[in-house]
Amino acid sequence: MINCIVIDDEPLALRQIESYVKKTPFLHLLKACHRSLDAAEIIENQEVDVVFTDINMPDCNGMNFVKSLQNPPLIVFSTAYEEYAVESYRIDAIDYLLKPYGYQDFLKVALKVKQYYEWKNHAQNGVITTTPDSYIFVRSDNQTVKVFFDKILYIEGMSEYIRIHLVDGKSLMPFLSLKLILEALPPHRFMRVHRSYVVALEHIKIFQRTELVLSNGIVLPVSATYKDDVQRYIEQRSIGKR
């Protein structure tokens, strides 16, 4: 069972999503909360796997609430404003529910949560990352594919999916986020350089200010958030005067 809490300051909306959770066999409702502060206490003291939270709440904006969590569970936002979608993916939310929504909409998102939850647990238990320095298995096009680390050029975040670009020019599109795939990749071989890109370190050819050139000539941006990490990596492996 996937332990979850729901947060919404509107009583009707809270009762609706509470009923949807109880109707879904693989979800277990720990608590329905009117305030994010109550939810924070539960997250601190209990094992919470996923949080379904409204965004516009008087005590604390849902986005700010999630950003304040040190180790956030899986997150699904609910909102009446579609423009929040882009920001929700920036903080690695699983998905968002656009109000008003029915049970079928909720179930679609809940099944996505289930897939992420199972993938993450398998990775932690060594089922997906079978040999940490060699390969992983990912689901792509309704099949499970073995992907060797040395065949990965870079990984691109694409909202609900990621695209794994391989050195042979082919690509895979598993239903994952960059955050989750990073947890399964060896950190000494891969680095996040942008909110939308993870690169295989061995394929970095040139680093110039805000860009990386990879071994196949592809140019990727390096954001200010990750520039220092890239610079540090390059400097640690540089010789001679700069």
C-alpha atoms as a PDB file:
ATOM      1  CA  MET A   1       0.000   0.000   0.000  1.00  0.00           C
ATOM      2  CA  ILE A   2       1.119   3.544  -0.774  1.00  0.00           C
ATOM      3  CA  ASN A   3       0.727   5.816   2.245  1.00  0.00           C
ATOM      4  CA  CYS A   4      -0.598   9.244   1.359  1.00  0.00           C
ATOM      5  CA  ILE A   5      -1.947  12.457   2.796  1.00  0.00           C
ATOM      6  CA  VAL A   6      -4.180  15.008   1.090  1.00  0.00           C
ATOM      7  CA  ILE A   7      -4.154  18.753   1.701  1.00  0.00           C
ATOM      8  CA  ASP A   8      -6.789  21.293   0.687  1.00  0.00           C
ATOM      9  CA  ASP A   9      -8.225  24.266   2.563  1.00  0.00           C
ATOM     10  CA  GLU A  10     -11.576  23.923   0.772  1.00  0.00           C
ATOM     11  CA  PRO A  11     -13.800  21.404   2.646  1.00  0.00           C
ATOM     12  CA  LEU A  12     -15.642  20.172  -0.465  1.00  0.00           C
ATOM     13  CA  ALA A  13     -12.434  19.668  -2.444  1.00  0.00           C
ATOM     14  CA  LEU A  14     -10.829  17.896   0.524  1.00  0.00           C
ATOM     15  CA  ARG A  15     -13.778  15.516   0.912  1.00  0.00           C
ATOM     16  CA  GLN A  16     -13.707  14.777  -2.814  1.00  0.00           C
ATOM     17  CA  ILE A  17     -10.048  13.814  -3.004  1.00  0.00           C
ATOM     18  CA  GLU A  18     -10.340  11.938   0.303  1.00  0.00           C
ATOM     19  CA  SER A  19     -13.125   9.814  -1.190  1.00  0.00           C
ATOM     20  CA  TYR A  20     -11.069   9.193  -4.338  1.00  0.00           C
ATOM     21  CA  VAL A  21      -8.094   7.986  -2.306  1.00  0.00           C
ATOM     22  CA  LYS A  22     -10.285   5.626  -0.281  1.00  0.00           C
ATOM     23  CA  LYS A  23     -11.766   4.301  -3.528  1.00  0.00           C
ATOM     24  CA  THR A  24      -8.320   3.452  -4.943  1.00  0.00           C
ATOM     25  CA  PRO A  25      -7.176   0.012  -3.693  1.00  0.00           C
ATOM     26  CA  PHE A  26      -3.410   0.623  -3.718  1.00  0.00           C
ATOM     27  CA  LEU A  27      -3.608   3.921  -1.775  1.00  0.00           C
ATOM     28  CA  HIS A  28      -3.810   4.184   2.004  1.00  0.00           C
ATOM     29  CA  LEU A  29      -4.977   7.511   3.429  1.00  0.00           C
ATOM     30  CA  LEU A  30      -3.071   8.550   6.543  1.00  0.00           C
ATOM     31  CA  LYS A  31      -4.731  11.921   6.974  1.00  0.00           C
ATOM     32  CA  ALA A  32      -6.840  14.552   5.211  1.00  0.00           C
ATOM     33  CA  CYS A  33      -5.464  17.972   6.191  1.00  0.00           C
ATOM     34  CA  HIS A  34      -6.927  21.465   5.931  1.00  0.00           C
ATOM     35  CA  ARG A  35      -3.527  23.063   6.502  1.00  0.00           C
ATOM     36  CA  SER A  36      -0.049  22.344   5.184  1.00  0.00           C
ATOM     37  CA  LEU A  37       1.353  22.848   8.700  1.00  0.00           C
ATOM     38  CA  ASP A  38      -0.607  19.809   9.901  1.00  0.00           C
ATOM     39  CA  ALA A  39       0.713  17.822   6.947  1.00  0.00           C
ATOM     40  CA  ALA A  40       4.307  18.812   7.748  1.00  0.00           C
ATOM     41  CA  GLU A  41       3.971  17.300  11.217  1.00  0.00           C
ATOM     42  CA  ILE A  42       2.665  14.029   9.778  1.00  0.00           C
ATOM     43  CA  ILE A  43       5.484  13.856   7.218  1.00  0.00           C
ATOM     44  CA  GLU A  44       8.004  14.371  10.002  1.00  0.00           C
ATOM     45  CA  ASN A  45       6.600  11.606  12.212  1.00  0.00           C
ATOM     46  CA  GLN A  46       5.172   9.004   9.829  1.00  0.00           C
ATOM     47  CA  GLU A  47       6.178   7.236   6.634  1.00  0.00           C
ATOM     48  CA  VAL A  48       4.432   9.202   3.884  1.00  0.00           C
ATOM     49  CA  ASP A  49       4.925   8.041   0.296  1.00  0.00           C
ATOM     50  CA  VAL A  50       2.890  10.634  -1.599  1.00  0.00           C
ATOM     51  CA  VAL A  51       1.240  13.989  -0.916  1.00  0.00           C
ATOM     52  CA  PHE A  52      -1.730  15.292  -2.892  1.00  0.00           C
ATOM     53  CA  THR A  53      -1.774  19.027  -2.165  1.00  0.00           C
ATOM     54  CA  ASP A  54      -3.630  22.114  -3.286  1.00  0.00           C
ATOM     55  CA  ILE A  55      -1.475  25.079  -4.315  1.00  0.00           C
ATOM     56  CA  ASN A  56      -3.482  28.149  -3.315  1.00  0.00           C
ATOM     57  CA  MET A  57      -3.930  27.922   0.448  1.00  0.00           C
ATOM     58  CA  PRO A  58      -4.056  30.787   2.970  1.00  0.00           C
ATOM     59  CA  ASP A  59      -1.601  29.390   5.541  1.00  0.00           C
ATOM     60  CA  CYS A  60       1.114  28.364   3.060  1.00  0.00           C
ATOM     61  CA  ASN A  61       1.324  28.174  -0.717  1.00  0.00           C
ATOM     62  CA  GLY A  62       1.530  24.515  -1.766  1.00  0.00           C
ATOM     63  CA  MET A  63       4.630  25.109  -3.894  1.00  0.00           C
ATOM     64  CA  ASN A  64       6.439  26.806  -1.008  1.00  0.00           C
ATOM     65  CA  PHE A  65       5.349  24.043   1.342  1.00  0.00           C
ATOM     66  CA  VAL A  66       6.905  21.349  -0.868  1.00  0.00           C
ATOM     67  CA  LYS A  67      10.095  23.398  -1.322  1.00  0.00           C
ATOM     68  CA  SER A  68      10.402  23.646   2.467  1.00  0.00           C
ATOM     69  CA  LEU A  69      10.547  19.857   2.901  1.00  0.00           C
ATOM     70  CA  GLN A  70      14.052  18.436   3.244  1.00  0.00           C
ATOM     71  CA  ASN A  71      13.184  15.006   1.856  1.00  0.00           C
ATOM     72  CA  PRO A  72       9.790  15.395   0.193  1.00  0.00           C
ATOM     73  CA  PRO A  73       7.639  12.384  -0.664  1.00  0.00           C
ATOM     74  CA  LEU A  74       6.233  12.027  -4.168  1.00  0.00           C
ATOM     75  CA  ILE A  75       4.130  15.111  -4.895  1.00  0.00           C
ATOM     76  CA  VAL A  76       0.909  15.658  -6.842  1.00  0.00           C
ATOM     77  CA  PHE A  77      -0.455  19.206  -6.982  1.00  0.00           C
ATOM     78  CA  SER A  78      -4.102  20.111  -7.442  1.00  0.00           C
ATOM     79  CA  THR A  79      -5.037  23.543  -8.758  1.00  0.00           C
ATOM     80  CA  ALA A  80      -7.599  25.467 -10.744  1.00  0.00           C
ATOM     81  CA  TYR A  81      -4.830  27.310 -12.590  1.00  0.00           C
ATOM     82  CA  GLU A  82      -3.164  25.516 -15.490  1.00  0.00           C
ATOM     83  CA  GLU A  83      -0.222  27.948 -15.523  1.00  0.00           C
ATOM     84  CA  TYR A  84       1.133  26.220 -12.403  1.00  0.00           C
ATOM     85  CA  ALA A  85       1.902  23.095 -14.452  1.00  0.00           C
ATOM     86  CA  VAL A  86       5.362  24.198 -15.609  1.00  0.00           C
ATOM     87  CA  GLU A  87       6.463  25.213 -12.105  1.00  0.00           C
ATOM     88  CA  SER A  88       5.202  21.926 -10.645  1.00  0.00           C
ATOM     89  CA  TYR A  89       7.458  19.936 -12.999  1.00  0.00           C
ATOM     90  CA  ARG A  90      10.412  22.168 -12.130  1.00  0.00           C
ATOM     91  CA  ILE A  91      10.284  20.894  -8.566  1.00  0.00           C
ATOM     92  CA  ASP A  92       9.905  17.297  -9.757  1.00  0.00           C
ATOM     93  CA  ALA A  93       6.231  16.826  -8.962  1.00  0.00           C
ATOM     94  CA  ILE A  94       4.819  13.589 -10.359  1.00  0.00           C
ATOM     95  CA  ASP A  95       1.854  15.367 -11.920  1.00  0.00           C
ATOM     96  CA  TYR A  96      -0.902  17.859 -11.221  1.00  0.00           C
ATOM     97  CA  LEU A  97      -4.699  17.627 -11.116  1.00  0.00           C
ATOM     98  CA  LEU A  98      -6.532  20.480 -12.811  1.00  0.00           C
ATOM     99  CA  LYS A  99      -9.742  21.383 -10.978  1.00  0.00           C
ATOM    100  CA  PRO A 100     -12.486  20.418 -11.496  1.00  0.00           C
ATOM    101  CA  TYR A 101     -11.500  16.793 -12.011  1.00  0.00           C
ATOM    102  CA  GLY A 102     -13.317  13.459 -11.721  1.00  0.00           C
ATOM    103  CA  TYR A 103     -12.267  10.060 -10.454  1.00  0.00           C
ATOM    104  CA  GLN A 104     -10.919   8.913 -13.831  1.00  0.00           C
ATOM    105  CA  ASP A 105      -8.566  11.907 -13.883  1.00  0.00           C
ATOM    106  CA  PHE A 106      -7.489  11.123 -10.339  1.00  0.00           C
ATOM    107  CA  LEU A 107      -6.996   7.428 -11.097  1.00  0.00           C
ATOM    108  CA  LYS A 108      -4.788   8.224 -14.093  1.00  0.00           C
ATOM    109  CA  VAL A 109      -2.504  10.286 -11.865  1.00  0.00           C
ATOM    110  CA  ALA A 110      -2.657   7.700  -9.058  1.00  0.00           C
ATOM    111  CA  LEU A 111      -1.494   4.980 -11.453  1.00  0.00           C
ATOM    112  CA  LYS A 112       1.420   7.195 -12.437  1.00  0.00           C
ATOM    113  CA  VAL A 113       2.249   7.568  -8.732  1.00  0.00           C
ATOM    114  CA  LYS A 114       2.107   3.784  -8.358  1.00  0.00           C
ATOM    115  CA  GLN A 115       4.520   3.307 -11.265  1.00  0.00           C
ATOM    116  CA  TYR A 116       6.984   5.847  -9.832  1.00  0.00           C
ATOM    117  CA  TYR A 117       6.667   4.344  -6.346  1.00  0.00           C
ATOM    118  CA  GLU A 118       7.349   0.810  -7.548  1.00  0.00           C
ATOM    119  CA  TRP A 119      10.244   1.929  -9.745  1.00  0.00           C
ATOM    120  CA  LYS A 120      11.838   3.843  -6.872  1.00  0.00           C
ATOM    121  CA  ASN A 121      11.442   0.944  -4.436  1.00  0.00           C
ATOM    122  CA  HIS A 122      12.868  -1.523  -6.931  1.00  0.00           C
ATOM    123  CA  ALA A 123      15.856   0.739  -7.512  1.00  0.00           C
ATOM    124  CA  GLN A 124      16.482   1.046  -3.771  1.00  0.00           C
ATOM    125  CA  ASN A 125      16.169  -2.702  -3.319  1.00  0.00           C
ATOM    126  CA  GLY A 126      18.643  -3.440  -6.108  1.00  0.00           C
ATOM    127  CA  VAL A 127      16.084  -4.822  -8.555  1.00  0.00           C
ATOM    128  CA  ILE A 128      16.471  -2.154 -11.235  1.00  0.00           C
ATOM    129  CA  THR A 129      20.038  -1.096 -10.528  1.00  0.00           C
ATOM    130  CA  THR A 130      21.366  -4.620 -10.606  1.00  0.00           C
ATOM    131  CA  THR A 131      25.032  -3.743 -10.896  1.00  0.00           C
ATOM    132  CA  PRO A 132      25.564  -0.080  -9.942  1.00  0.00           C
ATOM    133  CA  ASP A 133      28.577   0.476 -12.217  1.00  0.00           C
ATOM    134  CA  SER A 134      27.226  -1.343 -15.231  1.00  0.00           C
ATOM    135  CA  TYR A 135      23.571  -0.948 -16.199  1.00  0.00           C
ATOM    136  CA  ILE A 136      19.968  -0.362 -15.224  1.00  0.00           C
ATOM    137  CA  PHE A 137      16.639  -1.587 -16.549  1.00  0.00           C
ATOM    138  CA  VAL A 138      13.994   0.934 -17.636  1.00  0.00           C
ATOM    139  CA  ARG A 139      10.488   0.615 -19.015  1.00  0.00           C
ATOM    140  CA  SER A 140      10.128   2.093 -22.502  1.00  0.00           C
ATOM    141  CA  ASP A 141       7.536   1.380 -25.214  1.00  0.00           C
ATOM    142  CA  ASN A 142       5.862  -1.294 -23.052  1.00  0.00           C
ATOM    143  CA  GLN A 143       9.032  -3.309 -22.608  1.00  0.00           C
ATOM    144  CA  THR A 144      11.826  -3.516 -20.063  1.00  0.00           C
ATOM    145  CA  VAL A 145      15.149  -2.511 -21.602  1.00  0.00           C
ATOM    146  CA  LYS A 146      18.665  -2.972 -20.230  1.00  0.00           C
ATOM    147  CA  VAL A 147      20.663   0.235 -20.568  1.00  0.00           C
ATOM    148  CA  PHE A 148      24.420   0.136 -20.058  1.00  0.00           C
ATOM    149  CA  PHE A 149      25.839   3.266 -18.452  1.00  0.00           C
ATOM    150  CA  ASP A 150      28.660   3.517 -20.972  1.00  0.00           C
ATOM    151  CA  LYS A 151      26.067   3.679 -23.772  1.00  0.00           C
ATOM    152  CA  ILE A 152      24.347   6.771 -22.325  1.00  0.00           C
ATOM    153  CA  LEU A 153      25.359  10.121 -23.810  1.00  0.00           C
ATOM    154  CA  TYR A 154      22.950  12.384 -21.926  1.00  0.00           C
ATOM    155  CA  ILE A 155      19.443  12.386 -20.476  1.00  0.00           C
ATOM    156  CA  GLU A 156      16.836  15.009 -21.246  1.00  0.00           C
ATOM    157  CA  GLY A 157      13.894  15.884 -19.012  1.00  0.00           C
ATOM    158  CA  MET A 158      10.645  16.159 -20.958  1.00  0.00           C
ATOM    159  CA  SER A 159       7.900  17.012 -18.468  1.00  0.00           C
ATOM    160  CA  GLU A 160       6.289  13.647 -17.656  1.00  0.00           C
ATOM    161  CA  TYR A 161       8.988  11.620 -19.418  1.00  0.00           C
ATOM    162  CA  ILE A 162      12.723  11.597 -19.895  1.00  0.00           C
ATOM    163  CA  ARG A 163      14.612  10.877 -23.088  1.00  0.00           C
ATOM    164  CA  ILE A 164      17.771   8.806 -22.699  1.00  0.00           C
ATOM    165  CA  HIS A 165      20.070   9.671 -25.608  1.00  0.00           C
ATOM    166  CA  LEU A 166      22.445   6.842 -26.460  1.00  0.00           C
ATOM    167  CA  VAL A 167      25.862   7.049 -28.135  1.00  0.00           C
ATOM    168  CA  ASP A 168      24.572   5.157 -31.178  1.00  0.00           C
ATOM    169  CA  GLY A 169      22.055   7.909 -31.895  1.00  0.00           C
ATOM    170  CA  LYS A 170      19.050   5.964 -30.606  1.00  0.00           C
ATOM    171  CA  SER A 171      16.951   7.037 -27.632  1.00  0.00           C
ATOM    172  CA  LEU A 172      14.554   5.646 -25.019  1.00  0.00           C
ATOM    173  CA  MET A 173      11.628   7.450 -23.386  1.00  0.00           C
ATOM    174  CA  PRO A 174      10.792   5.929 -20.000  1.00  0.00           C
ATOM    175  CA  PHE A 175       8.027   7.363 -17.841  1.00  0.00           C
ATOM    176  CA  LEU A 176      10.351   8.869 -15.197  1.00  0.00           C
ATOM    177  CA  SER A 177      11.674  12.181 -13.901  1.00  0.00           C
ATOM    178  CA  LEU A 178      15.289  13.311 -13.913  1.00  0.00           C
ATOM    179  CA  LYS A 179      15.252  13.205 -10.121  1.00  0.00           C
ATOM    180  CA  LEU A 180      14.332   9.519 -10.041  1.00  0.00           C
ATOM    181  CA  ILE A 181      16.717   8.399 -12.762  1.00  0.00           C
ATOM    182  CA  LEU A 182      19.562  10.227 -10.986  1.00  0.00           C
ATOM    183  CA  GLU A 183      18.933   8.132  -7.887  1.00  0.00           C
ATOM    184  CA  ALA A 184      19.718   5.027  -9.938  1.00  0.00           C
ATOM    185  CA  LEU A 185      22.798   6.405 -11.693  1.00  0.00           C
ATOM    186  CA  PRO A 186      26.328   6.295 -10.202  1.00  0.00           C
ATOM    187  CA  PRO A 187      27.198   9.913  -9.244  1.00  0.00           C
ATOM    188  CA  HIS A 188      30.827   9.545 -10.307  1.00  0.00           C
ATOM    189  CA  ARG A 189      29.660   8.910 -13.882  1.00  0.00           C
ATOM    190  CA  PHE A 190      26.719  11.302 -14.326  1.00  0.00           C
ATOM    191  CA  MET A 191      25.987  14.900 -13.387  1.00  0.00           C
ATOM    192  CA  ARG A 192      22.994  17.187 -13.610  1.00  0.00           C
ATOM    193  CA  VAL A 193      24.030  20.351 -15.470  1.00  0.00           C
ATOM    194  CA  HIS A 194      20.631  21.959 -16.044  1.00  0.00           C
ATOM    195  CA  ARG A 195      17.079  21.439 -14.814  1.00  0.00           C
ATOM    196  CA  SER A 196      16.463  19.596 -18.100  1.00  0.00           C
ATOM    197  CA  TYR A 197      19.756  17.755 -18.634  1.00  0.00           C
ATOM    198  CA  VAL A 198      21.960  15.088 -17.065  1.00  0.00           C
ATOM    199  CA  VAL A 199      25.217  14.260 -18.854  1.00  0.00           C
ATOM    200  CA  ALA A 200      27.553  11.290 -18.862  1.00  0.00           C
ATOM    201  CA  LEU A 201      30.809  12.799 -17.577  1.00  0.00           C
ATOM    202  CA  GLU A 202      33.005  10.675 -19.820  1.00  0.00           C
ATOM    203  CA  HIS A 203      31.387  12.254 -22.886  1.00  0.00           C
ATOM    204  CA  ILE A 204      32.154  15.872 -21.967  1.00  0.00           C
ATOM    205  CA  LYS A 205      34.508  17.189 -24.650  1.00  0.00           C
ATOM    206  CA  ILE A 206      34.531  20.957 -24.055  1.00  0.00           C
ATOM    207  CA  PHE A 207      33.289  23.179 -21.229  1.00  0.00           C
ATOM    208  CA  GLN A 208      32.908  26.843 -22.133  1.00  0.00           C
ATOM    209  CA  ARG A 209      31.227  29.186 -19.653  1.00  0.00           C
ATOM    210  CA  THR A 210      27.559  28.232 -19.916  1.00  0.00           C
ATOM    211  CA  GLU A 211      27.776  25.344 -22.386  1.00  0.00           C
ATOM    212  CA  LEU A 212      29.047  21.809 -22.686  1.00  0.00           C
ATOM    213  CA  VAL A 213      30.064  20.191 -25.946  1.00  0.00           C
ATOM    214  CA  LEU A 214      29.699  16.425 -25.888  1.00  0.00           C
ATOM    215  CA  SER A 215      31.737  13.839 -27.765  1.00  0.00           C
ATOM    216  CA  ASN A 216      29.245  13.720 -30.651  1.00  0.00           C
ATOM    217  CA  GLY A 217      29.199  17.522 -31.023  1.00  0.00           C
ATOM    218  CA  ILE A 218      25.905  18.097 -29.234  1.00  0.00           C
ATOM    219  CA  VAL A 219      25.912  21.393 -27.286  1.00  0.00           C
ATOM    220  CA  LEU A 220      23.999  21.505 -23.984  1.00  0.00           C
ATOM    221  CA  PRO A 221      23.382  24.498 -21.707  1.00  0.00           C
ATOM    222  CA  VAL A 222      24.819  24.665 -18.185  1.00  0.00           C
ATOM    223  CA  SER A 223      22.586  26.617 -15.803  1.00  0.00           C
ATOM    224  CA  ALA A 224      23.860  28.886 -13.024  1.00  0.00           C
ATOM    225  CA  THR A 225      22.563  26.406 -10.441  1.00  0.00           C
ATOM    226  CA  TYR A 226      24.920  23.650 -11.599  1.00  0.00           C
ATOM    227  CA  LYS A 227      27.800  25.662 -13.103  1.00  0.00           C
ATOM    228  CA  ASP A 228      29.983  25.448  -9.968  1.00  0.00           C
ATOM    229  CA  ASP A 229      29.616  21.651  -9.849  1.00  0.00           C
ATOM    230  CA  VAL A 230      30.691  21.333 -13.469  1.00  0.00           C
ATOM    231  CA  GLN A 231      33.571  23.771 -12.977  1.00  0.00           C
ATOM    232  CA  ARG A 232      34.765  21.845  -9.919  1.00  0.00           C
ATOM    233  CA  TYR A 233      34.667  18.555 -11.819  1.00  0.00           C
ATOM    234  CA  ILE A 234      36.677  20.046 -14.692  1.00  0.00           C
ATOM    235  CA  GLU A 235      39.249  21.662 -12.405  1.00  0.00           C
ATOM    236  CA  GLN A 236      39.827  18.454 -10.466  1.00  0.00           C
ATOM    237  CA  ARG A 237      40.850  16.768 -13.708  1.00  0.00           C
ATOM    238  CA  SER A 238      42.795  19.631 -15.276  1.00  0.00           C
ATOM    239  CA  ILE A 239      46.574  19.957 -15.515  1.00  0.00           C
ATOM    240  CA  GLY A 240      48.738  22.891 -16.509  1.00  0.00           C
ATOM    241  CA  LYS A 241      47.981  26.609 -16.333  1.00  0.00           C
ATOM    242  CA  ARG A 242      44.510  27.950 -16.942  1.00  0.00           C
END
